[in-house]
Amino acid sequence: MYTEHTTHTWTTHSTHNTSEGLVGYQGCRCGAQRIVTVPTHTFSPVAEVAHRA
């Protein structure tokens, strides 16, 4: 695909959790598209905090 610019500005259109991690579908204003993945083992641990009302 030919593009008139060398730097893409990616916008995430959607993300989906899978058993192996996160899959994201991104697009650029020029029409270029890509799929990005983040493996589960690279996720940082998250602490859950309960707030009292």
PDB file of N, CA and C in Angstrom:
ATOM      1  N   MET A   1       0.842  -1.171   0.000  1.00  0.00           N
ATOM      2  CA  MET A   1       0.000   0.000   0.000  1.00  0.00           C
ATOM      3  C   MET A   1       0.888   1.236   0.000  1.00  0.00           C
ATOM      4  N   TYR A   2       0.665   2.150  -0.915  1.00  0.00           N
ATOM      5  CA  TYR A   2       1.418   3.390  -1.001  1.00  0.00           C
ATOM      6  C   TYR A   2       0.812   4.435  -0.077  1.00  0.00           C
ATOM      7  N   THR A   3       1.651   5.104   0.680  1.00  0.00           N
ATOM      8  CA  THR A   3       1.186   6.195   1.531  1.00  0.00           C
ATOM      9  C   THR A   3       2.024   7.435   1.252  1.00  0.00           C
ATOM     10  N   GLU A   4       1.460   8.604   1.451  1.00  0.00           N
ATOM     11  CA  GLU A   4       2.166   9.849   1.195  1.00  0.00           C
ATOM     12  C   GLU A   4       2.901  10.377   2.424  1.00  0.00           C
ATOM     13  N   HIS A   5       2.893   9.654   3.493  1.00  0.00           N
ATOM     14  CA  HIS A   5       3.608  10.082   4.686  1.00  0.00           C
ATOM     15  C   HIS A   5       4.420   8.914   5.231  1.00  0.00           C
ATOM     16  N   THR A   6       5.417   9.223   6.045  1.00  0.00           N
ATOM     17  CA  THR A   6       6.287   8.169   6.569  1.00  0.00           C
ATOM     18  C   THR A   6       5.970   7.813   8.011  1.00  0.00           C
ATOM     19  N   THR A   7       5.172   8.633   8.681  1.00  0.00           N
ATOM     20  CA  THR A   7       4.814   8.366  10.065  1.00  0.00           C
ATOM     21  C   THR A   7       3.303   8.202  10.164  1.00  0.00           C
ATOM     22  N   HIS A   8       2.872   7.041  10.610  1.00  0.00           N
ATOM     23  CA  HIS A   8       1.447   6.787  10.770  1.00  0.00           C
ATOM     24  C   HIS A   8       0.974   7.292  12.128  1.00  0.00           C
ATOM     25  N   THR A   9      -0.255   7.726  12.184  1.00  0.00           N
ATOM     26  CA  THR A   9      -0.912   8.061  13.445  1.00  0.00           C
ATOM     27  C   THR A   9      -1.994   7.017  13.645  1.00  0.00           C
ATOM     28  N   TRP A  10      -1.738   6.081  14.566  1.00  0.00           N
ATOM     29  CA  TRP A  10      -2.628   4.935  14.740  1.00  0.00           C
ATOM     30  C   TRP A  10      -3.762   5.251  15.692  1.00  0.00           C
ATOM     31  N   THR A  11      -4.953   4.836  15.323  1.00  0.00           N
ATOM     32  CA  THR A  11      -6.143   4.924  16.165  1.00  0.00           C
ATOM     33  C   THR A  11      -6.648   3.505  16.390  1.00  0.00           C
ATOM     34  N   THR A  12      -6.881   3.150  17.643  1.00  0.00           N
ATOM     35  CA  THR A  12      -7.382   1.814  17.957  1.00  0.00           C
ATOM     36  C   THR A  12      -8.886   1.782  17.730  1.00  0.00           C
ATOM     37  N   HIS A  13      -9.322   0.877  16.845  1.00  0.00           N
ATOM     38  CA  HIS A  13     -10.740   0.735  16.532  1.00  0.00           C
ATOM     39  C   HIS A  13     -11.427  -0.251  17.467  1.00  0.00           C
ATOM     40  N   SER A  14     -10.713  -1.297  17.869  1.00  0.00           N
ATOM     41  CA  SER A  14     -11.283  -2.260  18.803  1.00  0.00           C
ATOM     42  C   SER A  14     -10.178  -3.101  19.412  1.00  0.00           C
ATOM     43  N   THR A  15     -10.474  -3.687  20.573  1.00  0.00           N
ATOM     44  CA  THR A  15      -9.561  -4.626  21.233  1.00  0.00           C
ATOM     45  C   THR A  15     -10.371  -5.819  21.714  1.00  0.00           C
ATOM     46  N   HIS A  16      -9.703  -6.951  21.786  1.00  0.00           N
ATOM     47  CA  HIS A  16     -10.359  -8.183  22.215  1.00  0.00           C
ATOM     48  C   HIS A  16      -9.400  -8.988  23.074  1.00  0.00           C
ATOM     49  N   ASN A  17      -9.890  -9.464  24.221  1.00  0.00           N
ATOM     50  CA  ASN A  17      -9.115 -10.367  25.062  1.00  0.00           C
ATOM     51  C   ASN A  17      -9.144 -11.758  24.455  1.00  0.00           C
ATOM     52  N   THR A  18      -8.009 -12.414  24.462  1.00  0.00           N
ATOM     53  CA  THR A  18      -7.923 -13.810  24.027  1.00  0.00           C
ATOM     54  C   THR A  18      -7.221 -14.601  25.114  1.00  0.00           C
ATOM     55  N   SER A  19      -7.162 -15.895  24.969  1.00  0.00           N
ATOM     56  CA  SER A  19      -6.484 -16.727  25.968  1.00  0.00           C
ATOM     57  C   SER A  19      -4.980 -16.463  25.990  1.00  0.00           C
ATOM     58  N   GLU A  20      -4.448 -15.878  24.934  1.00  0.00           N
ATOM     59  CA  GLU A  20      -3.009 -15.612  24.862  1.00  0.00           C
ATOM     60  C   GLU A  20      -2.651 -14.147  25.075  1.00  0.00           C
ATOM     61  N   GLY A  21      -3.655 -13.283  25.258  1.00  0.00           N
ATOM     62  CA  GLY A  21      -3.371 -11.875  25.482  1.00  0.00           C
ATOM     63  C   GLY A  21      -4.427 -10.970  24.881  1.00  0.00           C
ATOM     64  N   LEU A  22      -4.000  -9.783  24.512  1.00  0.00           N
ATOM     65  CA  LEU A  22      -4.890  -8.766  23.969  1.00  0.00           C
ATOM     66  C   LEU A  22      -4.586  -8.562  22.488  1.00  0.00           C
ATOM     67  N   VAL A  23      -5.621  -8.469  21.656  1.00  0.00           N
ATOM     68  CA  VAL A  23      -5.479  -8.209  20.237  1.00  0.00           C
ATOM     69  C   VAL A  23      -6.154  -6.870  19.956  1.00  0.00           C
ATOM     70  N   GLY A  24      -5.449  -5.989  19.246  1.00  0.00           N
ATOM     71  CA  GLY A  24      -6.015  -4.689  18.906  1.00  0.00           C
ATOM     72  C   GLY A  24      -5.992  -4.468  17.404  1.00  0.00           C
ATOM     73  N   TYR A  25      -7.042  -3.838  16.907  1.00  0.00           N
ATOM     74  CA  TYR A  25      -7.142  -3.503  15.487  1.00  0.00           C
ATOM     75  C   TYR A  25      -7.024  -1.994  15.355  1.00  0.00           C
ATOM     76  N   GLN A  26      -6.010  -1.537  14.593  1.00  0.00           N
ATOM     77  CA  GLN A  26      -5.736  -0.121  14.481  1.00  0.00           C
ATOM     78  C   GLN A  26      -5.736   0.322  13.022  1.00  0.00           C
ATOM     79  N   GLY A  27      -6.017   1.604  12.822  1.00  0.00           N
ATOM     80  CA  GLY A  27      -6.002   2.168  11.486  1.00  0.00           C
ATOM     81  C   GLY A  27      -5.396   3.556  11.500  1.00  0.00           C
ATOM     82  N   CYS A  28      -4.864   3.978  10.346  1.00  0.00           N
ATOM     83  CA  CYS A  28      -4.295   5.303  10.160  1.00  0.00           C
ATOM     84  C   CYS A  28      -5.210   6.082   9.225  1.00  0.00           C
ATOM     85  N   ARG A  29      -5.152   7.382   9.281  1.00  0.00           N
ATOM     86  CA  ARG A  29      -5.994   8.224   8.432  1.00  0.00           C
ATOM     87  C   ARG A  29      -5.720   8.005   6.949  1.00  0.00           C
ATOM     88  N   CYS A  30      -4.539   7.469   6.603  1.00  0.00           N
ATOM     89  CA  CYS A  30      -4.203   7.228   5.204  1.00  0.00           C
ATOM     90  C   CYS A  30      -4.839   5.948   4.660  1.00  0.00           C
ATOM     91  N   GLY A  31      -5.428   5.136   5.545  1.00  0.00           N
ATOM     92  CA  GLY A  31      -6.043   3.884   5.124  1.00  0.00           C
ATOM     93  C   GLY A  31      -5.245   2.652   5.520  1.00  0.00           C
ATOM     94  N   ALA A  32      -4.006   2.844   5.997  1.00  0.00           N
ATOM     95  CA  ALA A  32      -3.200   1.710   6.449  1.00  0.00           C
ATOM     96  C   ALA A  32      -3.850   1.107   7.692  1.00  0.00           C
ATOM     97  N   GLN A  33      -3.736  -0.204   7.835  1.00  0.00           N
ATOM     98  CA  GLN A  33      -4.293  -0.904   8.985  1.00  0.00           C
ATOM     99  C   GLN A  33      -3.261  -1.854   9.553  1.00  0.00           C
ATOM    100  N   ARG A  34      -3.384  -2.152  10.832  1.00  0.00           N
ATOM    101  CA  ARG A  34      -2.501  -3.141  11.455  1.00  0.00           C
ATOM    102  C   ARG A  34      -3.219  -3.812  12.606  1.00  0.00           C
ATOM    103  N   ILE A  35      -2.697  -4.968  12.959  1.00  0.00           N
ATOM    104  CA  ILE A  35      -3.177  -5.725  14.116  1.00  0.00           C
ATOM    105  C   ILE A  35      -2.015  -5.784  15.096  1.00  0.00           C
ATOM    106  N   VAL A  36      -2.268  -5.421  16.336  1.00  0.00           N
ATOM    107  CA  VAL A  36      -1.232  -5.468  17.363  1.00  0.00           C
ATOM    108  C   VAL A  36      -1.639  -6.479  18.429  1.00  0.00           C
ATOM    109  N   THR A  37      -0.648  -7.098  19.042  1.00  0.00           N
ATOM    110  CA  THR A  37      -0.910  -8.080  20.090  1.00  0.00           C
ATOM    111  C   THR A  37      -0.055  -7.764  21.310  1.00  0.00           C
ATOM    112  N   VAL A  38      -0.617  -8.043  22.473  1.00  0.00           N
ATOM    113  CA  VAL A  38       0.103  -7.913  23.740  1.00  0.00           C
ATOM    114  C   VAL A  38      -0.064  -9.234  24.471  1.00  0.00           C
ATOM    115  N   PRO A  39       1.013 -10.025  24.584  1.00  0.00           N
ATOM    116  CA  PRO A  39       0.902 -11.313  25.273  1.00  0.00           C
ATOM    117  C   PRO A  39       0.526 -11.150  26.740  1.00  0.00           C
ATOM    118  N   THR A  40      -0.257 -12.086  27.250  1.00  0.00           N
ATOM    119  CA  THR A  40      -0.725 -12.048  28.634  1.00  0.00           C
ATOM    120  C   THR A  40       0.433 -11.940  29.626  1.00  0.00           C
ATOM    121  N   HIS A  41       1.539 -12.617  29.380  1.00  0.00           N
ATOM    122  CA  HIS A  41       2.643 -12.631  30.348  1.00  0.00           C
ATOM    123  C   HIS A  41       3.327 -11.271  30.488  1.00  0.00           C
ATOM    124  N   THR A  42       3.017 -10.299  29.617  1.00  0.00           N
ATOM    125  CA  THR A  42       3.609  -8.965  29.752  1.00  0.00           C
ATOM    126  C   THR A  42       2.715  -8.008  30.526  1.00  0.00           C
ATOM    127  N   PHE A  43       1.510  -8.455  30.909  1.00  0.00           N
ATOM    128  CA  PHE A  43       0.608  -7.602  31.677  1.00  0.00           C
ATOM    129  C   PHE A  43       1.182  -7.384  33.068  1.00  0.00           C
ATOM    130  N   SER A  44       1.025  -6.198  33.582  1.00  0.00           N
ATOM    131  CA  SER A  44       1.444  -5.890  34.945  1.00  0.00           C
ATOM    132  C   SER A  44       0.345  -6.321  35.909  1.00  0.00           C
ATOM    133  N   PRO A  45       0.718  -6.773  37.095  1.00  0.00           N
ATOM    134  CA  PRO A  45      -0.297  -7.105  38.084  1.00  0.00           C
ATOM    135  C   PRO A  45      -1.083  -5.842  38.457  1.00  0.00           C
ATOM    136  N   VAL A  46      -2.355  -6.001  38.684  1.00  0.00           N
ATOM    137  CA  VAL A  46      -3.221  -4.873  39.037  1.00  0.00           C
ATOM    138  C   VAL A  46      -3.853  -5.164  40.392  1.00  0.00           C
ATOM    139  N   ALA A  47      -3.783  -4.188  41.268  1.00  0.00           N
ATOM    140  CA  ALA A  47      -4.422  -4.337  42.573  1.00  0.00           C
ATOM    141  C   ALA A  47      -5.843  -3.817  42.489  1.00  0.00           C
ATOM    142  N   GLU A  48      -6.754  -4.531  43.106  1.00  0.00           N
ATOM    143  CA  GLU A  48      -8.147  -4.110  43.138  1.00  0.00           C
ATOM    144  C   GLU A  48      -8.408  -3.494  44.505  1.00  0.00           C
ATOM    145  N   VAL A  49      -8.958  -2.277  44.496  1.00  0.00           N
ATOM    146  CA  VAL A  49      -9.208  -1.571  45.742  1.00  0.00           C
ATOM    147  C   VAL A  49     -10.710  -1.331  45.871  1.00  0.00           C
ATOM    148  N   ALA A  50     -11.245  -1.692  47.024  1.00  0.00           N
ATOM    149  CA  ALA A  50     -12.671  -1.454  47.271  1.00  0.00           C
ATOM    150  C   ALA A  50     -12.826  -0.102  47.954  1.00  0.00           C
ATOM    151  N   HIS A  51     -13.732   0.722  47.441  1.00  0.00           N
ATOM    152  CA  HIS A  51     -14.007   2.027  48.034  1.00  0.00           C
ATOM    153  C   HIS A  51     -15.368   1.965  48.737  1.00  0.00           C
ATOM    154  N   ARG A  52     -15.394   2.457  49.938  1.00  0.00           N
ATOM    155  CA  ARG A  52     -16.668   2.478  50.671  1.00  0.00           C
ATOM    156  C   ARG A  52     -17.413   3.752  50.330  1.00  0.00           C
ATOM    157  N   ALA A  53     -18.704   3.610  50.140  1.00  0.00           N
ATOM    158  CA  ALA A  53     -19.536   4.778  49.794  1.00  0.00           C
ATOM    159  C   ALA A  53     -19.883   5.600  51.001  1.00  0.00           C
TER     160      ALA A  53
END
